Amino acid sequence: MNEKNEIRSVEMVSRIRDEMASTLEGKSHAEIIAFFRKAGDVARQEAKRHI
């Protein structure tokens, strides 16, 4: 099992950041907070399923 997986973390994070910026462009502060709150809720639910 000597396989090597190259992870281009900087490029991946930049792409995610750019997509998020595009999604949130023009949103109010309340809408941005709601977006991240919903994402956090989904992440917590997903984490609980993997315990």
PDB file of N, CA and C in Angstrom:
ATOM      1  N   MET A   1       0.825  -1.185   0.000  1.00  0.00           N
ATOM      2  CA  MET A   1       0.000   0.000   0.000  1.00  0.00           C
ATOM      3  C   MET A   1       0.873   1.254   0.000  1.00  0.00           C
ATOM      4  N   ASN A   2       1.614   1.419  -1.056  1.00  0.00           N
ATOM      5  CA  ASN A   2       2.500   2.562  -1.180  1.00  0.00           C
ATOM      6  C   ASN A   2       1.954   3.596  -2.148  1.00  0.00           C
ATOM      7  N   GLU A   3       0.647   3.627  -2.300  1.00  0.00           N
ATOM      8  CA  GLU A   3       0.046   4.613  -3.201  1.00  0.00           C
ATOM      9  C   GLU A   3       0.170   6.007  -2.606  1.00  0.00           C
ATOM     10  N   LYS A   4       0.378   6.960  -3.493  1.00  0.00           N
ATOM     11  CA  LYS A   4       0.504   8.335  -3.062  1.00  0.00           C
ATOM     12  C   LYS A   4      -0.624   9.146  -3.686  1.00  0.00           C
ATOM     13  N   ASN A   5      -1.323   9.905  -2.868  1.00  0.00           N
ATOM     14  CA  ASN A   5      -2.359  10.788  -3.372  1.00  0.00           C
ATOM     15  C   ASN A   5      -1.894  12.222  -3.191  1.00  0.00           C
ATOM     16  N   GLU A   6      -1.834  12.932  -4.280  1.00  0.00           N
ATOM     17  CA  GLU A   6      -1.422  14.321  -4.202  1.00  0.00           C
ATOM     18  C   GLU A   6      -2.657  15.172  -3.939  1.00  0.00           C
ATOM     19  N   ILE A   7      -2.584  15.979  -2.915  1.00  0.00           N
ATOM     20  CA  ILE A   7      -3.693  16.863  -2.571  1.00  0.00           C
ATOM     21  C   ILE A   7      -3.245  18.288  -2.818  1.00  0.00           C
ATOM     22  N   ARG A   8      -3.946  18.958  -3.662  1.00  0.00           N
ATOM     23  CA  ARG A   8      -3.636  20.357  -3.965  1.00  0.00           C
ATOM     24  C   ARG A   8      -4.527  21.227  -3.082  1.00  0.00           C
ATOM     25  N   SER A   9      -4.132  21.328  -1.826  1.00  0.00           N
ATOM     26  CA  SER A   9      -4.976  21.974  -0.825  1.00  0.00           C
ATOM     27  C   SER A   9      -5.184  23.459  -1.087  1.00  0.00           C
ATOM     28  N   VAL A  10      -4.144  24.165  -1.521  1.00  0.00           N
ATOM     29  CA  VAL A  10      -4.289  25.603  -1.758  1.00  0.00           C
ATOM     30  C   VAL A  10      -5.296  25.848  -2.872  1.00  0.00           C
ATOM     31  N   GLU A  11      -5.169  25.078  -3.944  1.00  0.00           N
ATOM     32  CA  GLU A  11      -6.105  25.233  -5.063  1.00  0.00           C
ATOM     33  C   GLU A  11      -7.528  24.867  -4.641  1.00  0.00           C
ATOM     34  N   MET A  12      -7.661  23.804  -3.836  1.00  0.00           N
ATOM     35  CA  MET A  12      -8.974  23.365  -3.386  1.00  0.00           C
ATOM     36  C   MET A  12      -9.637  24.435  -2.516  1.00  0.00           C
ATOM     37  N   VAL A  13      -8.879  24.989  -1.578  1.00  0.00           N
ATOM     38  CA  VAL A  13      -9.435  26.010  -0.688  1.00  0.00           C
ATOM     39  C   VAL A  13      -9.779  27.268  -1.474  1.00  0.00           C
ATOM     40  N   SER A  14      -8.946  27.633  -2.429  1.00  0.00           N
ATOM     41  CA  SER A  14      -9.229  28.811  -3.257  1.00  0.00           C
ATOM     42  C   SER A  14     -10.512  28.629  -4.057  1.00  0.00           C
ATOM     43  N   ARG A  15     -10.700  27.431  -4.604  1.00  0.00           N
ATOM     44  CA  ARG A  15     -11.915  27.155  -5.387  1.00  0.00           C
ATOM     45  C   ARG A  15     -13.152  27.223  -4.503  1.00  0.00           C
ATOM     46  N   ILE A  16     -13.067  26.631  -3.313  1.00  0.00           N
ATOM     47  CA  ILE A  16     -14.198  26.665  -2.380  1.00  0.00           C
ATOM     48  C   ILE A  16     -14.501  28.103  -1.982  1.00  0.00           C
ATOM     49  N   ARG A  17     -13.459  28.881  -1.670  1.00  0.00           N
ATOM     50  CA  ARG A  17     -13.638  30.284  -1.286  1.00  0.00           C
ATOM     51  C   ARG A  17     -14.307  31.070  -2.406  1.00  0.00           C
ATOM     52  N   ASP A  18     -13.849  30.862  -3.641  1.00  0.00           N
ATOM     53  CA  ASP A  18     -14.414  31.593  -4.780  1.00  0.00           C
ATOM     54  C   ASP A  18     -15.878  31.228  -5.007  1.00  0.00           C
ATOM     55  N   GLU A  19     -16.201  29.941  -4.878  1.00  0.00           N
ATOM     56  CA  GLU A  19     -17.588  29.506  -5.050  1.00  0.00           C
ATOM     57  C   GLU A  19     -18.482  30.106  -3.957  1.00  0.00           C
ATOM     58  N   MET A  20     -17.970  30.121  -2.724  1.00  0.00           N
ATOM     59  CA  MET A  20     -18.740  30.666  -1.613  1.00  0.00           C
ATOM     60  C   MET A  20     -18.950  32.171  -1.783  1.00  0.00           C
ATOM     61  N   ALA A  21     -17.907  32.861  -2.221  1.00  0.00           N
ATOM     62  CA  ALA A  21     -18.011  34.301  -2.442  1.00  0.00           C
ATOM     63  C   ALA A  21     -19.053  34.600  -3.511  1.00  0.00           C
ATOM     64  N   SER A  22     -19.070  33.786  -4.553  1.00  0.00           N
ATOM     65  CA  SER A  22     -20.051  33.967  -5.619  1.00  0.00           C
ATOM     66  C   SER A  22     -21.472  33.726  -5.101  1.00  0.00           C
ATOM     67  N   THR A  23     -21.634  32.687  -4.298  1.00  0.00           N
ATOM     68  CA  THR A  23     -22.945  32.354  -3.735  1.00  0.00           C
ATOM     69  C   THR A  23     -23.456  33.460  -2.816  1.00  0.00           C
ATOM     70  N   LEU A  24     -22.547  34.051  -2.041  1.00  0.00           N
ATOM     71  CA  LEU A  24     -22.948  35.029  -1.026  1.00  0.00           C
ATOM     72  C   LEU A  24     -22.922  36.475  -1.526  1.00  0.00           C
ATOM     73  N   GLU A  25     -22.493  36.680  -2.745  1.00  0.00           N
ATOM     74  CA  GLU A  25     -22.403  38.031  -3.289  1.00  0.00           C
ATOM     75  C   GLU A  25     -23.769  38.722  -3.268  1.00  0.00           C
ATOM     76  N   GLY A  26     -23.794  39.921  -2.720  1.00  0.00           N
ATOM     77  CA  GLY A  26     -25.018  40.705  -2.688  1.00  0.00           C
ATOM     78  C   GLY A  26     -25.968  40.335  -1.553  1.00  0.00           C
ATOM     79  N   LYS A  27     -25.599  39.381  -0.716  1.00  0.00           N
ATOM     80  CA  LYS A  27     -26.465  38.965   0.391  1.00  0.00           C
ATOM     81  C   LYS A  27     -26.287  39.909   1.575  1.00  0.00           C
ATOM     82  N   SER A  28     -27.307  40.017   2.380  1.00  0.00           N
ATOM     83  CA  SER A  28     -27.226  40.838   3.593  1.00  0.00           C
ATOM     84  C   SER A  28     -26.451  40.076   4.657  1.00  0.00           C
ATOM     85  N   HIS A  29     -26.060  40.788   5.716  1.00  0.00           N
ATOM     86  CA  HIS A  29     -25.350  40.130   6.814  1.00  0.00           C
ATOM     87  C   HIS A  29     -26.199  39.015   7.406  1.00  0.00           C
ATOM     88  N   ALA A  30     -27.484  39.256   7.549  1.00  0.00           N
ATOM     89  CA  ALA A  30     -28.381  38.236   8.107  1.00  0.00           C
ATOM     90  C   ALA A  30     -28.448  37.006   7.208  1.00  0.00           C
ATOM     91  N   GLU A  31     -28.467  37.208   5.899  1.00  0.00           N
ATOM     92  CA  GLU A  31     -28.506  36.077   4.967  1.00  0.00           C
ATOM     93  C   GLU A  31     -27.193  35.287   5.004  1.00  0.00           C
ATOM     94  N   ILE A  32     -26.087  35.990   5.158  1.00  0.00           N
ATOM     95  CA  ILE A  32     -24.785  35.320   5.241  1.00  0.00           C
ATOM     96  C   ILE A  32     -24.706  34.492   6.507  1.00  0.00           C
ATOM     97  N   ILE A  33     -25.146  35.056   7.625  1.00  0.00           N
ATOM     98  CA  ILE A  33     -25.143  34.321   8.892  1.00  0.00           C
ATOM     99  C   ILE A  33     -26.041  33.095   8.786  1.00  0.00           C
ATOM    100  N   ALA A  34     -27.209  33.244   8.179  1.00  0.00           N
ATOM    101  CA  ALA A  34     -28.127  32.111   8.012  1.00  0.00           C
ATOM    102  C   ALA A  34     -27.488  31.026   7.150  1.00  0.00           C
ATOM    103  N   PHE A  35     -26.757  31.415   6.116  1.00  0.00           N
ATOM    104  CA  PHE A  35     -26.078  30.463   5.234  1.00  0.00           C
ATOM    105  C   PHE A  35     -25.096  29.607   6.037  1.00  0.00           C
ATOM    106  N   PHE A  36     -24.250  30.268   6.847  1.00  0.00           N
ATOM    107  CA  PHE A  36     -23.253  29.531   7.613  1.00  0.00           C
ATOM    108  C   PHE A  36     -23.879  28.746   8.753  1.00  0.00           C
ATOM    109  N   ARG A  37     -24.942  29.252   9.334  1.00  0.00           N
ATOM    110  CA  ARG A  37     -25.627  28.517  10.397  1.00  0.00           C
ATOM    111  C   ARG A  37     -26.200  27.218   9.835  1.00  0.00           C
ATOM    112  N   LYS A  38     -26.829  27.303   8.668  1.00  0.00           N
ATOM    113  CA  LYS A  38     -27.404  26.110   8.041  1.00  0.00           C
ATOM    114  C   LYS A  38     -26.304  25.109   7.691  1.00  0.00           C
ATOM    115  N   ALA A  39     -25.193  25.600   7.158  1.00  0.00           N
ATOM    116  CA  ALA A  39     -24.075  24.715   6.818  1.00  0.00           C
ATOM    117  C   ALA A  39     -23.531  24.034   8.070  1.00  0.00           C
ATOM    118  N   GLY A  40     -23.466  24.758   9.176  1.00  0.00           N
ATOM    119  CA  GLY A  40     -23.002  24.179  10.431  1.00  0.00           C
ATOM    120  C   GLY A  40     -23.942  23.110  10.938  1.00  0.00           C
ATOM    121  N   ASP A  41     -25.237  23.375  10.825  1.00  0.00           N
ATOM    122  CA  ASP A  41     -26.229  22.380  11.264  1.00  0.00           C
ATOM    123  C   ASP A  41     -26.096  21.090  10.461  1.00  0.00           C
ATOM    124  N   VAL A  42     -25.941  21.229   9.154  1.00  0.00           N
ATOM    125  CA  VAL A  42     -25.799  20.058   8.285  1.00  0.00           C
ATOM    126  C   VAL A  42     -24.522  19.298   8.648  1.00  0.00           C
ATOM    127  N   ALA A  43     -23.435  20.017   8.879  1.00  0.00           N
ATOM    128  CA  ALA A  43     -22.163  19.364   9.224  1.00  0.00           C
ATOM    129  C   ALA A  43     -22.275  18.613  10.554  1.00  0.00           C
ATOM    130  N   ARG A  44     -22.950  19.213  11.536  1.00  0.00           N
ATOM    131  CA  ARG A  44     -23.122  18.539  12.829  1.00  0.00           C
ATOM    132  C   ARG A  44     -23.954  17.270  12.677  1.00  0.00           C
ATOM    133  N   GLN A  45     -25.022  17.336  11.884  1.00  0.00           N
ATOM    134  CA  GLN A  45     -25.858  16.154  11.670  1.00  0.00           C
ATOM    135  C   GLN A  45     -25.057  15.051  10.974  1.00  0.00           C
ATOM    136  N   GLU A  46     -24.269  15.424   9.981  1.00  0.00           N
ATOM    137  CA  GLU A  46     -23.452  14.456   9.272  1.00  0.00           C
ATOM    138  C   GLU A  46     -22.410  13.826  10.204  1.00  0.00           C
ATOM    139  N   ALA A  47     -21.804  14.622  11.056  1.00  0.00           N
ATOM    140  CA  ALA A  47     -20.807  14.112  12.002  1.00  0.00           C
ATOM    141  C   ALA A  47     -21.437  13.121  12.977  1.00  0.00           C
ATOM    142  N   LYS A  48     -22.654  13.388  13.410  1.00  0.00           N
ATOM    143  CA  LYS A  48     -23.329  12.492  14.344  1.00  0.00           C
ATOM    144  C   LYS A  48     -23.603  11.134  13.701  1.00  0.00           C
ATOM    145  N   ARG A  49     -23.839  11.110  12.407  1.00  0.00           N
ATOM    146  CA  ARG A  49     -24.107   9.866  11.711  1.00  0.00           C
ATOM    147  C   ARG A  49     -22.872   8.980  11.619  1.00  0.00           C
ATOM    148  N   HIS A  50     -21.701   9.584  11.734  1.00  0.00           N
ATOM    149  CA  HIS A  50     -20.455   8.830  11.572  1.00  0.00           C
ATOM    150  C   HIS A  50     -19.803   8.481  12.897  1.00  0.00           C
ATOM    151  N   ILE A  51     -20.505   8.676  13.989  1.00  0.00           N
ATOM    152  CA  ILE A  51     -19.937   8.337  15.305  1.00  0.00           C
ATOM    153  C   ILE A  51     -20.131   6.870  15.601  1.00  0.00           C
TER     154      ILE A  51
END
